[in-house]
């Protein structure tokens, strides 16, 4: 009889253990599908919170969890975040989804965010971003200048000459930018 009671007791403890473990497992499982939080602030506030994650590793995850506001500024800053992460095709896709008249304005937002990168001399990063900007805003003289200088630094003399020549056709001040563009054009001509 004691043996039967012992087996019943062990069986009862096993059943209780399974129930407790099953309950714990269900409680610890993540919700199915991605969790998306709507951002309630301004586009500038969204970007300030997201900028640390505008890198090739985290940009997709952050955008999926916390999409940018659907405003022009929000979408421009979202494109800028992708551009900073080196995902130019994703940035272009965001801009292309906008209405035609808004695309150059979004490209201007991308330029404003990326301009410090160009000024810092990060040509490998700045060149493709500036090319993105001028594909929507072809007479943006500062984007043309930075694209040309970045391309020259990366050994793309023909593209540098094209962009710096376009820069000089739009920008007529006789200052350091003009002198630098002319000197670089002279160097590209010598290299050919």
N, C-alpha and C. Protein backbone atom coordinates (compact mmCIF):
# COMPACT_ATOMS: atom_id res chain seq x y z
N UNK A 1 0.81 -1.17 0.00
CA UNK A 1 0.00 0.00 0.00
C UNK A 1 0.87 1.26 0.00
N UNK A 2 1.95 1.24 0.79
CA UNK A 2 2.82 2.41 0.81
C UNK A 2 3.43 2.65 -0.57
N UNK A 3 3.74 1.58 -1.25
CA UNK A 3 4.33 1.72 -2.58
C UNK A 3 3.33 2.39 -3.52
N UNK A 4 2.08 2.06 -3.45
CA UNK A 4 1.04 2.65 -4.30
C UNK A 4 0.90 4.13 -3.97
N UNK A 5 0.88 4.46 -2.70
CA UNK A 5 0.78 5.87 -2.31
C UNK A 5 2.02 6.65 -2.77
N UNK A 6 3.17 6.03 -2.67
CA UNK A 6 4.41 6.65 -3.13
C UNK A 6 4.32 6.95 -4.62
N UNK A 7 3.87 5.99 -5.44
CA UNK A 7 3.75 6.18 -6.89
C UNK A 7 2.70 7.25 -7.22
N UNK A 8 1.60 7.26 -6.51
CA UNK A 8 0.57 8.29 -6.74
C UNK A 8 1.14 9.66 -6.40
N UNK A 9 1.89 9.78 -5.31
CA UNK A 9 2.49 11.05 -4.90
C UNK A 9 3.51 11.56 -5.93
N UNK A 10 4.35 10.65 -6.43
CA UNK A 10 5.34 11.02 -7.44
C UNK A 10 4.63 11.43 -8.74
N UNK A 11 3.60 10.71 -9.11
CA UNK A 11 2.82 11.05 -10.31
C UNK A 11 2.18 12.42 -10.19
N UNK A 12 1.63 12.70 -8.99
CA UNK A 12 1.01 14.00 -8.74
C UNK A 12 2.04 15.12 -8.85
N UNK A 13 3.22 14.92 -8.27
CA UNK A 13 4.29 15.93 -8.36
C UNK A 13 4.74 16.13 -9.81
N UNK A 14 4.81 15.07 -10.58
CA UNK A 14 5.19 15.17 -11.99
C UNK A 14 4.16 15.99 -12.76
N UNK A 15 2.89 15.72 -12.54
CA UNK A 15 1.83 16.47 -13.22
C UNK A 15 1.89 17.94 -12.83
N UNK A 16 2.07 18.22 -11.54
CA UNK A 16 2.19 19.61 -11.08
C UNK A 16 3.39 20.30 -11.72
N UNK A 17 4.49 19.60 -11.80
CA UNK A 17 5.69 20.16 -12.43
C UNK A 17 5.48 20.49 -13.90
N UNK A 18 4.81 19.60 -14.63
CA UNK A 18 4.52 19.84 -16.05
C UNK A 18 3.62 21.06 -16.20
N UNK A 19 2.60 21.16 -15.36
CA UNK A 19 1.68 22.31 -15.43
C UNK A 19 2.42 23.61 -15.15
N UNK A 20 3.26 23.63 -14.13
CA UNK A 20 4.03 24.83 -13.80
C UNK A 20 4.99 25.19 -14.93
N UNK A 21 5.71 24.24 -15.46
CA UNK A 21 6.65 24.51 -16.55
C UNK A 21 5.93 25.00 -17.80
N UNK A 22 4.82 24.40 -18.09
CA UNK A 22 4.05 24.82 -19.28
C UNK A 22 3.57 26.25 -19.10
N UNK A 23 3.10 26.58 -17.94
CA UNK A 23 2.64 27.93 -17.66
C UNK A 23 3.80 28.93 -17.79
N UNK A 24 4.96 28.58 -17.28
CA UNK A 24 6.13 29.45 -17.37
C UNK A 24 6.56 29.62 -18.82
N UNK A 25 6.55 28.57 -19.60
CA UNK A 25 6.95 28.63 -21.01
C UNK A 25 6.02 29.53 -21.78
N UNK A 26 4.73 29.44 -21.58
CA UNK A 26 3.78 30.29 -22.29
C UNK A 26 3.97 31.75 -21.92
N UNK A 27 4.28 32.01 -20.66
CA UNK A 27 4.44 33.38 -20.21
C UNK A 27 5.73 33.99 -20.77
N UNK A 28 6.76 33.21 -20.99
CA UNK A 28 8.05 33.73 -21.44
C UNK A 28 8.18 33.83 -22.95
N UNK A 29 7.25 33.26 -23.70
CA UNK A 29 7.36 33.32 -25.15
C UNK A 29 7.08 34.73 -25.64
N UNK A 30 7.87 35.22 -26.62
CA UNK A 30 7.63 36.56 -27.14
C UNK A 30 6.34 36.58 -27.95
N UNK A 31 5.78 37.75 -28.05
CA UNK A 31 4.57 37.90 -28.87
C UNK A 31 4.93 37.59 -30.32
N UNK A 32 4.00 37.02 -31.03
CA UNK A 32 4.30 36.67 -32.42
C UNK A 32 4.32 37.93 -33.26
N UNK A 33 5.23 37.98 -34.22
CA UNK A 33 5.36 39.12 -35.12
C UNK A 33 6.17 40.23 -34.48
N UNK A 34 6.63 41.18 -35.31
CA UNK A 34 7.41 42.29 -34.80
C UNK A 34 6.54 43.25 -33.99
N UNK A 35 7.14 43.83 -32.98
CA UNK A 35 6.45 44.81 -32.18
C UNK A 35 6.75 46.18 -32.77
N UNK A 36 5.72 46.92 -33.14
CA UNK A 36 5.89 48.22 -33.73
C UNK A 36 5.30 49.27 -32.80
N UNK A 37 6.09 50.26 -32.49
CA UNK A 37 5.61 51.34 -31.64
C UNK A 37 5.46 52.59 -32.49
N UNK A 38 4.31 53.21 -32.43
CA UNK A 38 4.09 54.44 -33.16
C UNK A 38 4.76 55.57 -32.41
N UNK A 39 5.49 56.41 -33.13
CA UNK A 39 6.19 57.52 -32.49
C UNK A 39 5.24 58.71 -32.43
N UNK A 40 5.09 59.27 -31.26
CA UNK A 40 4.14 60.35 -31.05
C UNK A 40 4.77 61.75 -31.17
N UNK A 41 6.08 61.84 -31.23
CA UNK A 41 6.75 63.14 -31.26
C UNK A 41 6.94 63.66 -32.68
N UNK A 42 7.74 64.71 -32.79
CA UNK A 42 8.04 65.30 -34.09
C UNK A 42 9.07 64.44 -34.83
N UNK A 43 9.24 64.73 -36.10
CA UNK A 43 10.23 64.00 -36.90
C UNK A 43 11.64 64.25 -36.35
N UNK A 44 11.90 65.47 -35.91
CA UNK A 44 13.22 65.78 -35.34
C UNK A 44 13.47 64.99 -34.06
N UNK A 45 12.43 64.84 -33.24
CA UNK A 45 12.58 64.04 -32.02
C UNK A 45 12.80 62.57 -32.36
N UNK A 46 12.08 62.08 -33.37
CA UNK A 46 12.27 60.70 -33.81
C UNK A 46 13.73 60.49 -34.24
N UNK A 47 14.24 61.40 -35.06
CA UNK A 47 15.60 61.25 -35.56
C UNK A 47 16.62 61.34 -34.44
N UNK A 48 16.40 62.24 -33.50
CA UNK A 48 17.33 62.36 -32.37
C UNK A 48 17.41 61.05 -31.59
N UNK A 49 16.26 60.38 -31.45
CA UNK A 49 16.25 59.10 -30.75
C UNK A 49 16.86 57.98 -31.58
N UNK A 50 16.69 58.04 -32.90
CA UNK A 50 17.12 56.95 -33.77
C UNK A 50 18.54 57.10 -34.30
N UNK A 51 19.09 58.29 -34.31
CA UNK A 51 20.40 58.53 -34.94
C UNK A 51 21.51 57.58 -34.47
N UNK A 52 21.58 57.23 -33.19
CA UNK A 52 22.63 56.30 -32.79
C UNK A 52 22.51 54.93 -33.46
N UNK A 53 21.35 54.62 -33.99
CA UNK A 53 21.13 53.32 -34.61
C UNK A 53 21.19 53.38 -36.14
N UNK A 54 21.59 54.52 -36.69
CA UNK A 54 21.70 54.68 -38.14
C UNK A 54 23.02 54.11 -38.62
N UNK A 55 23.17 52.81 -38.44
CA UNK A 55 24.36 52.11 -38.89
C UNK A 55 23.91 50.84 -39.59
N UNK A 56 24.81 50.24 -40.33
CA UNK A 56 24.46 49.09 -41.18
C UNK A 56 23.89 47.92 -40.40
N UNK A 57 24.25 47.78 -39.14
CA UNK A 57 23.80 46.63 -38.34
C UNK A 57 22.39 46.83 -37.79
N UNK A 58 22.08 48.03 -37.32
CA UNK A 58 20.84 48.24 -36.58
C UNK A 58 19.74 48.99 -37.31
N UNK A 59 20.03 49.60 -38.44
CA UNK A 59 19.06 50.49 -39.08
C UNK A 59 17.75 49.78 -39.43
N UNK A 60 17.80 48.59 -39.95
CA UNK A 60 16.58 47.86 -40.32
C UNK A 60 15.74 47.51 -39.10
N UNK A 61 16.40 47.03 -38.07
CA UNK A 61 15.69 46.62 -36.85
C UNK A 61 14.97 47.81 -36.24
N UNK A 62 15.67 48.93 -36.14
CA UNK A 62 15.09 50.11 -35.51
C UNK A 62 13.93 50.65 -36.34
N UNK A 63 14.09 50.69 -37.65
CA UNK A 63 13.00 51.18 -38.50
C UNK A 63 11.77 50.27 -38.43
N UNK A 64 11.99 48.98 -38.32
CA UNK A 64 10.86 48.06 -38.22
C UNK A 64 10.12 48.23 -36.90
N UNK A 65 10.85 48.46 -35.84
CA UNK A 65 10.23 48.60 -34.52
C UNK A 65 9.66 49.99 -34.28
N UNK A 66 10.34 51.01 -34.83
CA UNK A 66 9.94 52.40 -34.58
C UNK A 66 9.96 53.16 -35.91
N UNK A 67 8.95 52.96 -36.74
CA UNK A 67 8.95 53.65 -38.04
C UNK A 67 8.90 55.17 -37.88
N UNK A 68 9.47 55.83 -38.85
CA UNK A 68 9.49 57.29 -38.85
C UNK A 68 8.07 57.83 -39.05
N UNK A 69 7.83 59.04 -38.58
CA UNK A 69 6.53 59.66 -38.85
C UNK A 69 6.28 59.73 -40.36
N UNK A 70 5.04 59.67 -40.74
CA UNK A 70 4.68 59.65 -42.16
C UNK A 70 4.72 61.03 -42.82
N UNK A 71 5.24 62.01 -42.14
CA UNK A 71 5.35 63.36 -42.69
C UNK A 71 6.53 63.42 -43.66
N UNK A 72 6.61 64.51 -44.43
CA UNK A 72 7.75 64.70 -45.33
C UNK A 72 9.05 64.74 -44.53
N UNK A 73 9.06 65.48 -43.43
CA UNK A 73 10.27 65.54 -42.60
C UNK A 73 10.62 64.16 -42.05
N UNK A 74 9.62 63.42 -41.60
CA UNK A 74 9.87 62.08 -41.06
C UNK A 74 10.46 61.15 -42.10
N UNK A 75 9.92 61.18 -43.30
CA UNK A 75 10.42 60.32 -44.36
C UNK A 75 11.80 60.77 -44.85
N UNK A 76 12.03 62.08 -44.89
CA UNK A 76 13.35 62.58 -45.26
C UNK A 76 14.41 62.16 -44.24
N UNK A 77 14.06 62.24 -42.97
CA UNK A 77 15.00 61.83 -41.93
C UNK A 77 15.19 60.32 -41.91
N UNK A 78 14.15 59.58 -42.24
CA UNK A 78 14.28 58.13 -42.35
C UNK A 78 15.26 57.79 -43.48
N UNK A 79 15.10 58.46 -44.62
CA UNK A 79 16.03 58.25 -45.74
C UNK A 79 17.45 58.64 -45.33
N UNK A 80 17.58 59.71 -44.57
CA UNK A 80 18.90 60.14 -44.11
C UNK A 80 19.53 59.09 -43.20
N UNK A 81 18.72 58.49 -42.35
CA UNK A 81 19.23 57.44 -41.46
C UNK A 81 19.77 56.27 -42.27
N UNK A 82 19.00 55.84 -43.27
CA UNK A 82 19.47 54.75 -44.13
C UNK A 82 20.73 55.16 -44.89
N UNK A 83 20.78 56.40 -45.35
CA UNK A 83 21.96 56.87 -46.09
C UNK A 83 23.19 56.87 -45.19
N UNK A 84 23.04 57.33 -43.96
CA UNK A 84 24.17 57.31 -43.03
C UNK A 84 24.65 55.88 -42.78
N UNK A 85 23.72 54.95 -42.83
CA UNK A 85 24.07 53.54 -42.62
C UNK A 85 24.68 52.91 -43.87
N UNK A 86 24.77 53.69 -44.95
CA UNK A 86 25.35 53.17 -46.19
C UNK A 86 24.36 52.39 -47.03
N UNK A 87 23.09 52.44 -46.68
CA UNK A 87 22.05 51.72 -47.41
C UNK A 87 21.34 52.71 -48.35
N UNK A 88 22.06 53.09 -49.38
CA UNK A 88 21.59 54.11 -50.32
C UNK A 88 20.34 53.65 -51.06
N UNK A 89 20.27 52.38 -51.43
CA UNK A 89 19.08 51.89 -52.13
C UNK A 89 17.83 51.98 -51.27
N UNK A 90 17.95 51.73 -49.99
CA UNK A 90 16.81 51.86 -49.08
C UNK A 90 16.41 53.32 -48.93
N UNK A 91 17.40 54.20 -48.84
CA UNK A 91 17.12 55.63 -48.76
C UNK A 91 16.40 56.10 -50.03
N UNK A 92 16.87 55.64 -51.17
CA UNK A 92 16.24 56.00 -52.45
C UNK A 92 14.80 55.48 -52.51
N UNK A 93 14.56 54.29 -52.01
CA UNK A 93 13.21 53.72 -52.03
C UNK A 93 12.25 54.57 -51.20
N UNK A 94 12.71 55.07 -50.07
CA UNK A 94 11.87 55.93 -49.23
C UNK A 94 11.53 57.22 -49.97
N UNK A 95 12.52 57.83 -50.58
CA UNK A 95 12.29 59.08 -51.31
C UNK A 95 11.38 58.82 -52.51
N UNK A 96 11.58 57.72 -53.22
CA UNK A 96 10.75 57.41 -54.39
C UNK A 96 9.28 57.20 -54.05
N UNK A 97 8.98 56.81 -52.81
CA UNK A 97 7.59 56.62 -52.40
C UNK A 97 6.86 57.94 -52.18
N UNK A 98 7.61 59.03 -52.08
CA UNK A 98 7.00 60.34 -51.87
C UNK A 98 6.45 60.89 -53.18
N UNK A 99 5.56 61.84 -53.07
CA UNK A 99 5.03 62.52 -54.26
C UNK A 99 6.19 63.22 -54.98
N UNK A 100 6.11 63.28 -56.27
CA UNK A 100 7.18 63.86 -57.09
C UNK A 100 7.65 65.23 -56.59
N UNK A 101 6.76 66.17 -56.28
CA UNK A 101 7.24 67.49 -55.84
C UNK A 101 7.96 67.48 -54.49
N UNK A 102 7.77 66.43 -53.71
CA UNK A 102 8.39 66.36 -52.39
C UNK A 102 9.75 65.68 -52.39
N UNK A 103 10.10 65.03 -53.48
CA UNK A 103 11.33 64.24 -53.49
C UNK A 103 12.58 65.08 -53.32
N UNK A 104 12.65 66.22 -54.01
CA UNK A 104 13.86 67.04 -53.87
C UNK A 104 13.96 67.61 -52.47
N UNK A 105 12.81 67.87 -51.85
CA UNK A 105 12.82 68.39 -50.48
C UNK A 105 13.33 67.32 -49.51
N UNK A 106 12.93 66.08 -49.71
CA UNK A 106 13.45 64.98 -48.88
C UNK A 106 14.95 64.82 -49.10
N UNK A 107 15.38 64.98 -50.35
CA UNK A 107 16.82 64.90 -50.64
C UNK A 107 17.57 66.04 -49.94
N UNK A 108 16.93 67.19 -49.82
CA UNK A 108 17.53 68.30 -49.08
C UNK A 108 17.69 67.97 -47.60
N UNK A 109 16.74 67.24 -47.05
CA UNK A 109 16.84 66.81 -45.66
C UNK A 109 18.02 65.84 -45.51
N UNK A 110 18.14 64.92 -46.47
CA UNK A 110 19.27 63.98 -46.45
C UNK A 110 20.58 64.77 -46.51
N UNK A 111 20.64 65.77 -47.39
CA UNK A 111 21.86 66.59 -47.49
C UNK A 111 22.18 67.25 -46.15
N UNK A 112 21.18 67.86 -45.53
CA UNK A 112 21.42 68.56 -44.27
C UNK A 112 22.00 67.63 -43.20
N UNK A 113 21.54 66.39 -43.18
CA UNK A 113 22.04 65.43 -42.20
C UNK A 113 23.46 64.96 -42.57
N UNK A 114 23.70 64.77 -43.87
CA UNK A 114 24.98 64.22 -44.31
C UNK A 114 26.07 65.28 -44.52
N UNK A 115 25.72 66.54 -44.57
CA UNK A 115 26.70 67.59 -44.82
C UNK A 115 27.86 67.56 -43.82
N UNK A 116 27.62 67.36 -42.52
CA UNK A 116 28.76 67.27 -41.59
C UNK A 116 29.69 66.09 -41.90
N UNK A 117 29.14 65.00 -42.45
CA UNK A 117 29.97 63.85 -42.82
C UNK A 117 30.92 64.27 -43.94
N UNK A 118 30.38 65.02 -44.91
CA UNK A 118 31.22 65.49 -46.02
C UNK A 118 32.25 66.49 -45.53
N UNK A 119 31.83 67.40 -44.66
CA UNK A 119 32.77 68.39 -44.13
C UNK A 119 33.88 67.74 -43.31
N UNK A 120 33.56 66.62 -42.69
CA UNK A 120 34.57 65.91 -41.89
C UNK A 120 35.57 65.16 -42.76
N UNK A 121 35.27 65.04 -44.06
CA UNK A 121 36.20 64.40 -44.98
C UNK A 121 36.01 62.91 -45.14
N UNK A 122 34.89 62.37 -44.70
CA UNK A 122 34.62 60.94 -44.88
C UNK A 122 34.09 60.73 -46.30
N UNK A 123 35.01 60.70 -47.24
CA UNK A 123 34.64 60.65 -48.66
C UNK A 123 33.94 59.35 -49.05
N UNK A 124 34.34 58.26 -48.48
CA UNK A 124 33.74 56.98 -48.82
C UNK A 124 32.25 56.97 -48.45
N UNK A 125 31.89 57.62 -47.36
CA UNK A 125 30.49 57.70 -46.96
C UNK A 125 29.77 58.85 -47.66
N UNK A 126 30.42 59.99 -47.76
CA UNK A 126 29.77 61.19 -48.29
C UNK A 126 29.49 61.10 -49.79
N UNK A 127 30.39 60.52 -50.56
CA UNK A 127 30.21 60.49 -52.01
C UNK A 127 28.88 59.88 -52.45
N UNK A 128 28.57 58.66 -52.04
CA UNK A 128 27.29 58.07 -52.45
C UNK A 128 26.06 58.83 -51.94
N UNK A 129 26.17 59.41 -50.75
CA UNK A 129 25.03 60.18 -50.23
C UNK A 129 24.83 61.44 -51.06
N UNK A 130 25.90 62.10 -51.42
CA UNK A 130 25.78 63.32 -52.24
C UNK A 130 25.28 62.98 -53.64
N UNK A 131 25.69 61.84 -54.17
CA UNK A 131 25.14 61.40 -55.47
C UNK A 131 23.63 61.17 -55.36
N UNK A 132 23.19 60.61 -54.25
CA UNK A 132 21.75 60.42 -54.02
C UNK A 132 21.05 61.78 -54.03
N UNK A 133 21.62 62.74 -53.33
CA UNK A 133 21.00 64.07 -53.27
C UNK A 133 20.90 64.69 -54.66
N UNK A 134 21.98 64.65 -55.44
CA UNK A 134 21.93 65.32 -56.75
C UNK A 134 21.08 64.55 -57.77
N UNK A 135 20.78 63.29 -57.49
CA UNK A 135 19.88 62.58 -58.40
C UNK A 135 18.46 63.13 -58.29
N UNK A 136 18.11 63.75 -57.16
CA UNK A 136 16.79 64.37 -56.99
C UNK A 136 16.84 65.88 -57.11
N UNK A 137 18.00 66.46 -56.84
CA UNK A 137 18.16 67.91 -56.85
C UNK A 137 19.45 68.22 -57.61
N UNK A 138 19.40 68.13 -58.95
CA UNK A 138 20.62 68.19 -59.77
C UNK A 138 21.42 69.49 -59.68
N UNK A 139 20.78 70.59 -59.27
CA UNK A 139 21.52 71.85 -59.19
C UNK A 139 21.83 72.25 -57.75
N UNK A 140 21.86 71.30 -56.85
CA UNK A 140 22.24 71.55 -55.45
C UNK A 140 23.76 71.70 -55.44
N UNK A 141 24.22 72.94 -55.49
CA UNK A 141 25.65 73.18 -55.73
C UNK A 141 26.55 72.61 -54.65
N UNK A 142 26.12 72.62 -53.39
CA UNK A 142 26.99 72.08 -52.35
C UNK A 142 27.07 70.55 -52.43
N UNK A 143 25.97 69.91 -52.80
CA UNK A 143 26.01 68.45 -52.98
C UNK A 143 26.91 68.12 -54.16
N UNK A 144 26.85 68.93 -55.22
CA UNK A 144 27.72 68.71 -56.38
C UNK A 144 29.19 68.86 -55.97
N UNK A 145 29.48 69.88 -55.18
CA UNK A 145 30.85 70.10 -54.73
C UNK A 145 31.35 68.91 -53.91
N UNK A 146 30.57 68.53 -52.91
CA UNK A 146 31.01 67.44 -52.03
C UNK A 146 31.09 66.12 -52.77
N UNK A 147 30.16 65.87 -53.68
CA UNK A 147 30.22 64.64 -54.47
C UNK A 147 31.50 64.64 -55.31
N UNK A 148 31.78 65.76 -55.96
CA UNK A 148 32.97 65.85 -56.80
C UNK A 148 34.26 65.67 -56.02
N UNK A 149 34.34 66.30 -54.87
CA UNK A 149 35.56 66.18 -54.06
C UNK A 149 35.72 64.76 -53.51
N UNK A 150 34.62 64.16 -53.11
CA UNK A 150 34.69 62.78 -52.60
C UNK A 150 35.11 61.83 -53.71
N UNK A 151 34.54 62.01 -54.89
CA UNK A 151 34.87 61.12 -56.00
C UNK A 151 36.32 61.30 -56.45
N UNK A 152 36.80 62.52 -56.41
CA UNK A 152 38.20 62.75 -56.74
C UNK A 152 39.10 62.02 -55.74
N UNK A 153 38.78 62.15 -54.46
CA UNK A 153 39.58 61.50 -53.42
C UNK A 153 39.56 59.98 -53.56
N UNK A 154 38.49 59.45 -54.13
CA UNK A 154 38.38 58.00 -54.30
C UNK A 154 38.88 57.53 -55.67
N UNK A 155 39.45 58.45 -56.44
CA UNK A 155 40.03 58.08 -57.73
C UNK A 155 39.05 58.01 -58.88
N UNK A 156 37.87 58.56 -58.73
CA UNK A 156 36.87 58.57 -59.80
C UNK A 156 36.92 59.93 -60.50
N UNK A 157 37.97 60.13 -61.27
CA UNK A 157 38.25 61.45 -61.86
C UNK A 157 37.17 61.93 -62.82
N UNK A 158 36.64 61.06 -63.66
CA UNK A 158 35.64 61.50 -64.64
C UNK A 158 34.37 61.99 -63.94
N UNK A 159 33.89 61.24 -62.97
CA UNK A 159 32.69 61.64 -62.23
C UNK A 159 32.96 62.89 -61.41
N UNK A 160 34.15 63.00 -60.83
CA UNK A 160 34.53 64.19 -60.08
C UNK A 160 34.51 65.41 -60.99
N UNK A 161 35.08 65.29 -62.19
CA UNK A 161 35.12 66.41 -63.13
C UNK A 161 33.70 66.83 -63.53
N UNK A 162 32.84 65.86 -63.77
CA UNK A 162 31.45 66.16 -64.14
C UNK A 162 30.76 66.96 -63.04
N UNK A 163 30.88 66.49 -61.80
CA UNK A 163 30.19 67.16 -60.70
C UNK A 163 30.81 68.51 -60.35
N UNK A 164 32.12 68.62 -60.41
CA UNK A 164 32.76 69.90 -60.09
C UNK A 164 32.50 70.93 -61.19
N UNK A 165 32.42 70.50 -62.43
CA UNK A 165 32.07 71.41 -63.52
C UNK A 165 30.64 71.91 -63.32
N UNK A 166 29.72 71.02 -62.95
CA UNK A 166 28.34 71.43 -62.68
C UNK A 166 28.30 72.38 -61.48
N UNK A 167 29.08 72.10 -60.45
CA UNK A 167 29.16 72.99 -59.28
C UNK A 167 29.53 74.40 -59.72
N UNK A 168 30.58 74.52 -60.55
CA UNK A 168 31.04 75.84 -60.98
C UNK A 168 30.02 76.55 -61.88
N UNK A 169 29.15 75.79 -62.54
CA UNK A 169 28.13 76.43 -63.36
C UNK A 169 27.02 77.05 -62.51
N UNK A 170 26.84 76.57 -61.28
CA UNK A 170 25.80 77.09 -60.40
C UNK A 170 26.33 78.04 -59.33
N UNK A 171 27.58 77.89 -58.96
CA UNK A 171 28.15 78.64 -57.85
C UNK A 171 29.17 79.62 -58.40
N UNK A 172 28.96 80.92 -58.15
CA UNK A 172 29.79 81.93 -58.81
C UNK A 172 30.59 82.81 -57.85
N UNK A 173 30.61 82.47 -56.60
CA UNK A 173 31.42 83.23 -55.65
C UNK A 173 32.90 82.88 -55.86
N UNK A 174 33.75 83.87 -55.73
CA UNK A 174 35.18 83.62 -55.85
C UNK A 174 35.74 83.41 -54.45
N UNK A 175 35.58 82.19 -53.95
CA UNK A 175 35.99 81.88 -52.58
C UNK A 175 36.75 80.57 -52.54
N UNK A 176 36.95 80.04 -51.36
CA UNK A 176 37.71 78.79 -51.20
C UNK A 176 37.07 77.60 -51.88
N UNK A 177 35.73 77.55 -51.90
CA UNK A 177 35.05 76.43 -52.57
C UNK A 177 35.36 76.45 -54.07
N UNK A 178 35.25 77.64 -54.67
CA UNK A 178 35.52 77.78 -56.10
C UNK A 178 36.98 77.48 -56.42
N UNK A 179 37.87 78.01 -55.63
CA UNK A 179 39.30 77.78 -55.87
C UNK A 179 39.63 76.29 -55.73
N UNK A 180 39.06 75.65 -54.74
CA UNK A 180 39.31 74.22 -54.53
C UNK A 180 38.76 73.40 -55.69
N UNK A 181 37.56 73.75 -56.17
CA UNK A 181 36.97 73.02 -57.30
C UNK A 181 37.81 73.21 -58.56
N UNK A 182 38.28 74.43 -58.81
CA UNK A 182 39.10 74.69 -60.01
C UNK A 182 40.43 73.94 -59.93
N UNK A 183 41.04 73.94 -58.76
CA UNK A 183 42.32 73.24 -58.60
C UNK A 183 42.14 71.74 -58.79
N UNK A 184 41.07 71.19 -58.28
CA UNK A 184 40.82 69.76 -58.44
C UNK A 184 40.52 69.43 -59.89
N UNK A 185 39.77 70.29 -60.58
CA UNK A 185 39.51 70.07 -62.01
C UNK A 185 40.81 70.11 -62.81
N UNK A 186 41.70 71.00 -62.45
CA UNK A 186 43.00 71.05 -63.14
C UNK A 186 43.78 69.76 -62.92
N UNK A 187 43.71 69.22 -61.71
CA UNK A 187 44.41 67.97 -61.41
C UNK A 187 43.78 66.79 -62.16
N UNK A 188 42.46 66.80 -62.31
CA UNK A 188 41.82 65.70 -63.06
C UNK A 188 42.17 65.79 -64.54
N UNK A 189 42.32 67.02 -65.06
CA UNK A 189 42.69 67.19 -66.46
C UNK A 189 44.11 66.70 -66.71
N UNK A 190 45.01 66.94 -65.76
CA UNK A 190 46.40 66.47 -65.88
C UNK A 190 46.48 64.94 -65.83
N UNK A 191 45.59 64.36 -65.04
CA UNK A 191 45.61 62.90 -64.87
C UNK A 191 45.13 62.16 -66.11
N UNK A 192 44.38 62.83 -66.93
CA UNK A 192 43.84 62.16 -68.15
C UNK A 192 44.83 62.10 -69.23
